[in-house]
């Protein structure tokens, strides 16, 4: 194939790919939301796109569908530019999205939430989809705690604390963007945000928004970020996604 990106192919290309055994479509569920003063609003969508492409290339018999670029970001609405849709509406979009793919004959869909606020909605959508299409395979890595565990463990190898690695626009996400889209990262504006115990602030974040605990929108510290670590972080995230794909319930 000249591309693994669905939107870059013609319909005969897609038909030929399916005839050759391509039976899986991978897509990310990202966001358009603030990521501090140094990262673009597209941060989560860009990371999601990279994850989807890497996953599809590892799978080998997969195409990448366009990223869903607006997610559940209400807790970031204090920052200009952020866009958000509610969870029920996002779930409807994702189910409709998958239905069109299944109508064409694909048998597996892999959803990759790349924004923390989407993980619960994607998990709920995956459960609903498995009920709706019992003959199809719906895969979604939605264990946010496991992702953070891996992220913090990897960052620690480079001397980065969990507080600095962060859960939003900190060292982890910034390093990834530096490795994939360095032209969109302004490290001269990288700052320290909230670096305390994240588990203690989650309820407040969801109820009152990120600005309540971090006026600059960063949950972590972006200053020690390094693009050389970003590819390693992405690879570890894809490892988690591939493990989910290879689970017995997701394998044939």
Protein backbone atom coordinates (compact mmCIF):
# COMPACT_ATOMS: atom_id res chain seq x y z
CA UNK A 1 0.00 0.00 0.00
CA UNK A 2 1.17 3.55 -0.68
CA UNK A 3 -0.13 4.58 2.74
CA UNK A 4 -1.62 2.99 5.85
CA UNK A 5 -3.76 6.08 6.47
CA UNK A 6 -7.34 5.45 5.43
CA UNK A 7 -7.99 9.04 4.40
CA UNK A 8 -4.99 9.04 2.04
CA UNK A 9 -6.22 6.01 0.10
CA UNK A 10 -8.79 5.66 -2.67
CA UNK A 11 -11.69 3.28 -2.23
CA UNK A 12 -10.11 0.75 -4.64
CA UNK A 13 -6.95 0.93 -2.49
CA UNK A 14 -8.97 0.08 0.60
CA UNK A 15 -10.80 -2.73 -1.16
CA UNK A 16 -7.51 -4.19 -2.35
CA UNK A 17 -5.98 -3.92 1.12
CA UNK A 18 -8.89 -5.81 2.66
CA UNK A 19 -8.57 -8.48 -0.04
CA UNK A 20 -4.92 -8.82 1.00
CA UNK A 21 -5.91 -9.48 4.60
CA UNK A 22 -6.09 -6.06 6.19
CA UNK A 23 -8.92 -6.53 8.67
CA UNK A 24 -8.16 -4.00 11.42
CA UNK A 25 -8.61 -0.25 11.76
CA UNK A 26 -6.82 1.73 14.46
CA UNK A 27 -7.79 5.25 15.51
CA UNK A 28 -7.12 7.62 18.38
CA UNK A 29 -9.60 9.53 20.49
CA UNK A 30 -7.82 12.78 21.21
CA UNK A 31 -8.70 16.29 22.28
CA UNK A 32 -8.37 19.97 21.43
CA UNK A 33 -7.50 21.51 24.77
CA UNK A 34 -4.94 23.62 26.57
CA UNK A 35 -1.59 22.05 27.39
CA UNK A 36 0.13 24.85 29.24
CA UNK A 37 1.82 27.85 27.62
CA UNK A 38 4.33 25.72 25.70
CA UNK A 39 2.33 22.95 23.95
CA UNK A 40 -0.31 23.21 21.20
CA UNK A 41 -4.00 22.57 21.78
CA UNK A 42 -3.64 19.54 19.49
CA UNK A 43 -1.19 17.82 21.84
CA UNK A 44 -3.37 14.82 22.71
CA UNK A 45 -4.56 14.38 19.13
CA UNK A 46 -1.00 14.51 17.82
CA UNK A 47 0.17 11.96 20.39
CA UNK A 48 -2.85 9.81 19.55
CA UNK A 49 -2.04 9.94 15.85
CA UNK A 50 1.52 8.78 16.54
CA UNK A 51 0.28 5.97 18.76
CA UNK A 52 -2.24 4.84 16.13
CA UNK A 53 0.36 4.77 13.36
CA UNK A 54 2.94 2.91 15.46
CA UNK A 55 0.30 0.40 16.54
CA UNK A 56 -0.88 -0.19 12.98
CA UNK A 57 2.69 -0.70 11.76
CA UNK A 58 3.38 -3.24 14.48
CA UNK A 59 0.11 -5.04 13.74
CA UNK A 60 0.99 -5.09 10.02
CA UNK A 61 -2.55 -5.88 8.80
CA UNK A 62 -4.13 -2.60 9.87
CA UNK A 63 -5.07 0.82 8.59
CA UNK A 64 -5.17 4.08 10.53
CA UNK A 65 -8.45 6.00 10.54
CA UNK A 66 -8.57 9.76 11.27
CA UNK A 67 -8.21 10.77 14.89
CA UNK A 68 -11.31 12.00 16.71
CA UNK A 69 -9.94 15.40 17.62
CA UNK A 70 -12.40 16.75 20.21
CA UNK A 71 -13.06 14.86 23.42
CA UNK A 72 -14.27 15.28 26.99
CA UNK A 73 -12.33 18.36 28.08
CA UNK A 74 -14.79 20.32 30.21
CA UNK A 75 -12.25 20.52 33.05
CA UNK A 76 -9.98 22.61 30.79
CA UNK A 77 -12.58 25.14 29.65
CA UNK A 78 -11.11 27.95 31.77
CA UNK A 79 -8.34 28.15 29.17
CA UNK A 80 -9.16 29.82 25.81
CA UNK A 81 -9.19 27.59 22.76
CA UNK A 82 -10.24 24.42 24.54
CA UNK A 83 -13.12 22.57 22.90
CA UNK A 84 -15.21 19.85 24.50
CA UNK A 85 -18.11 17.51 23.92
CA UNK A 86 -20.01 15.58 26.57
CA UNK A 87 -19.41 11.91 27.23
CA UNK A 88 -22.76 10.59 25.86
CA UNK A 89 -22.27 12.52 22.62
CA UNK A 90 -18.70 11.27 22.26
CA UNK A 91 -19.88 7.72 22.80
CA UNK A 92 -22.48 8.15 20.05
CA UNK A 93 -19.84 9.50 17.67
CA UNK A 94 -17.51 6.58 18.39
CA UNK A 95 -20.24 3.97 17.89
CA UNK A 96 -21.28 5.56 14.60
CA UNK A 97 -17.62 5.76 13.59
CA UNK A 98 -17.14 2.05 14.21
CA UNK A 99 -20.40 1.07 12.51
CA UNK A 100 -19.27 2.57 9.21
CA UNK A 101 -16.02 0.60 9.38
CA UNK A 102 -17.79 -2.65 10.15
CA UNK A 103 -20.21 -2.07 7.27
CA UNK A 104 -17.25 -2.23 4.90
CA UNK A 105 -16.15 -5.59 6.29
CA UNK A 106 -13.42 -4.78 8.79
CA UNK A 107 -13.60 -7.18 11.72
CA UNK A 108 -11.46 -5.45 14.34
CA UNK A 109 -11.31 -1.87 15.62
CA UNK A 110 -8.65 -0.59 18.00
CA UNK A 111 -9.54 2.61 19.87
CA UNK A 112 -6.71 4.54 21.52
CA UNK A 113 -7.71 7.24 24.01
CA UNK A 114 -4.81 9.68 24.19
CA UNK A 115 -6.46 12.20 26.52
CA UNK A 116 -7.01 11.19 30.13
CA UNK A 117 -10.55 12.60 30.15
CA UNK A 118 -11.54 10.18 27.37
CA UNK A 119 -10.43 6.93 29.00
CA UNK A 120 -13.66 6.23 30.89
CA UNK A 121 -15.86 7.13 27.91
CA UNK A 122 -13.83 4.95 25.55
CA UNK A 123 -14.01 2.05 28.02
CA UNK A 124 -17.79 2.43 28.25
CA UNK A 125 -18.05 2.68 24.47
CA UNK A 126 -16.00 -0.48 24.00
CA UNK A 127 -18.32 -2.41 26.31
CA UNK A 128 -21.38 -1.15 24.45
CA UNK A 129 -19.78 -1.98 21.10
CA UNK A 130 -18.98 -5.54 22.12
CA UNK A 131 -22.64 -6.03 23.02
CA UNK A 132 -23.82 -4.44 19.79
CA UNK A 133 -21.39 -6.35 17.55
CA UNK A 134 -20.62 -9.69 19.26
CA UNK A 135 -19.05 -11.03 16.05
CA UNK A 136 -16.53 -8.17 15.88
CA UNK A 137 -13.45 -7.44 17.94
CA UNK A 138 -13.31 -4.13 19.76
CA UNK A 139 -10.02 -3.40 21.46
CA UNK A 140 -9.28 -0.41 23.67
CA UNK A 141 -6.46 0.19 26.11
CA UNK A 142 -8.23 2.19 28.83
CA UNK A 143 -6.23 1.48 31.99
CA UNK A 144 -5.12 5.02 32.81
CA UNK A 145 -3.57 3.99 36.13
CA UNK A 146 -1.43 1.39 34.37
CA UNK A 147 -0.30 3.96 31.80
CA UNK A 148 0.72 6.40 34.53
CA UNK A 149 2.50 3.63 36.40
CA UNK A 150 4.57 2.83 33.31
CA UNK A 151 5.15 6.53 32.54
CA UNK A 152 6.39 7.32 36.04
CA UNK A 153 8.60 4.22 36.09
CA UNK A 154 10.22 5.16 32.81
CA UNK A 155 10.67 8.81 33.77
CA UNK A 156 12.30 7.70 37.01
CA UNK A 157 15.04 5.97 35.03
CA UNK A 158 16.03 9.42 33.78
CA UNK A 159 15.90 10.98 37.22
CA UNK A 160 12.47 12.54 36.71
CA UNK A 161 10.08 12.43 39.67
CA UNK A 162 6.40 11.43 39.23
CA UNK A 163 5.45 15.00 40.07
CA UNK A 164 7.57 16.36 37.24
CA UNK A 165 6.65 13.60 34.78
CA UNK A 166 3.09 14.72 35.39
CA UNK A 167 -0.34 13.82 34.15
CA UNK A 168 -0.91 16.79 31.84
CA UNK A 169 1.63 18.83 29.84
CA UNK A 170 4.49 17.78 32.12
CA UNK A 171 7.79 16.13 31.22
CA UNK A 172 6.20 12.96 29.81
CA UNK A 173 3.87 14.56 27.27
CA UNK A 174 6.27 17.35 26.42
CA UNK A 175 9.09 14.89 25.70
CA UNK A 176 6.79 12.97 23.35
CA UNK A 177 5.84 16.12 21.43
CA UNK A 178 9.49 17.15 21.24
CA UNK A 179 10.21 13.83 19.54
CA UNK A 180 7.32 13.95 17.07
CA UNK A 181 6.45 17.63 16.50
CA UNK A 182 9.32 19.74 17.89
CA UNK A 183 8.31 22.70 15.73
CA UNK A 184 5.10 23.01 17.78
CA UNK A 185 6.81 23.06 21.20
CA UNK A 186 8.04 26.32 22.70
CA UNK A 187 10.47 25.29 25.43
CA UNK A 188 11.20 28.94 26.21
CA UNK A 189 7.72 28.98 27.75
CA UNK A 190 7.99 25.61 29.52
CA UNK A 191 7.13 25.96 33.20
CA UNK A 192 6.52 24.05 36.37
CA UNK A 193 2.88 23.50 37.24
CA UNK A 194 1.27 21.49 40.01
CA UNK A 195 3.71 18.75 41.06
CA UNK A 196 2.07 17.45 44.23
CA UNK A 197 0.21 14.19 44.81
CA UNK A 198 -2.06 13.80 41.79
CA UNK A 199 -4.48 11.31 43.34
CA UNK A 200 -5.46 13.92 45.92
CA UNK A 201 -6.58 16.49 43.34
CA UNK A 202 -8.51 14.38 40.82
CA UNK A 203 -11.95 15.03 42.43
CA UNK A 204 -11.24 18.77 42.55
CA UNK A 205 -10.04 18.77 38.95
CA UNK A 206 -13.19 17.07 37.73
CA UNK A 207 -15.51 19.29 39.77
CA UNK A 208 -13.82 22.68 39.50
CA UNK A 209 -11.36 22.36 36.62
CA UNK A 210 -7.60 22.30 36.16
CA UNK A 211 -7.20 26.06 36.62
CA UNK A 212 -8.20 25.70 40.29
CA UNK A 213 -4.99 23.80 41.09
CA UNK A 214 -2.72 24.93 38.22
CA UNK A 215 -3.14 28.47 36.86
CA UNK A 216 -0.79 27.74 33.94
CA UNK A 217 -2.60 24.52 33.06
CA UNK A 218 0.35 22.20 33.69
CA UNK A 219 0.11 19.17 35.96
CA UNK A 220 3.78 18.32 36.14
CA UNK A 221 6.98 20.14 35.21
CA UNK A 222 7.74 20.68 31.52
CA UNK A 223 11.22 22.14 32.00
CA UNK A 224 13.27 18.89 32.13
CA UNK A 225 11.63 17.51 28.96
CA UNK A 226 13.84 15.94 26.30
CA UNK A 227 12.82 14.69 22.88
CA UNK A 228 15.32 11.84 23.05
CA UNK A 229 13.10 10.24 25.69
CA UNK A 230 9.87 10.81 23.79
CA UNK A 231 10.28 7.90 21.38
CA UNK A 232 10.92 5.55 24.28
CA UNK A 233 7.79 6.79 26.03
CA UNK A 234 5.71 6.27 22.87
CA UNK A 235 7.12 2.79 22.37
CA UNK A 236 6.24 1.79 25.94
CA UNK A 237 2.68 3.09 25.45
CA UNK A 238 2.34 1.09 22.23
CA UNK A 239 3.57 -1.99 24.13
CA UNK A 240 0.54 -1.61 26.41
CA UNK A 241 -1.81 -1.25 23.44
CA UNK A 242 -0.34 -4.28 21.67
CA UNK A 243 -0.67 -6.36 24.82
CA UNK A 244 -4.37 -5.47 24.86
CA UNK A 245 -4.72 -6.47 21.20
CA UNK A 246 -3.04 -9.78 21.91
CA UNK A 247 -5.28 -10.66 24.84
CA UNK A 248 -7.25 -13.88 24.17
CA UNK A 249 -10.57 -12.02 24.09
CA UNK A 250 -9.16 -9.61 21.51
CA UNK A 251 -7.38 -12.13 19.35
CA UNK A 252 -9.64 -14.04 17.06
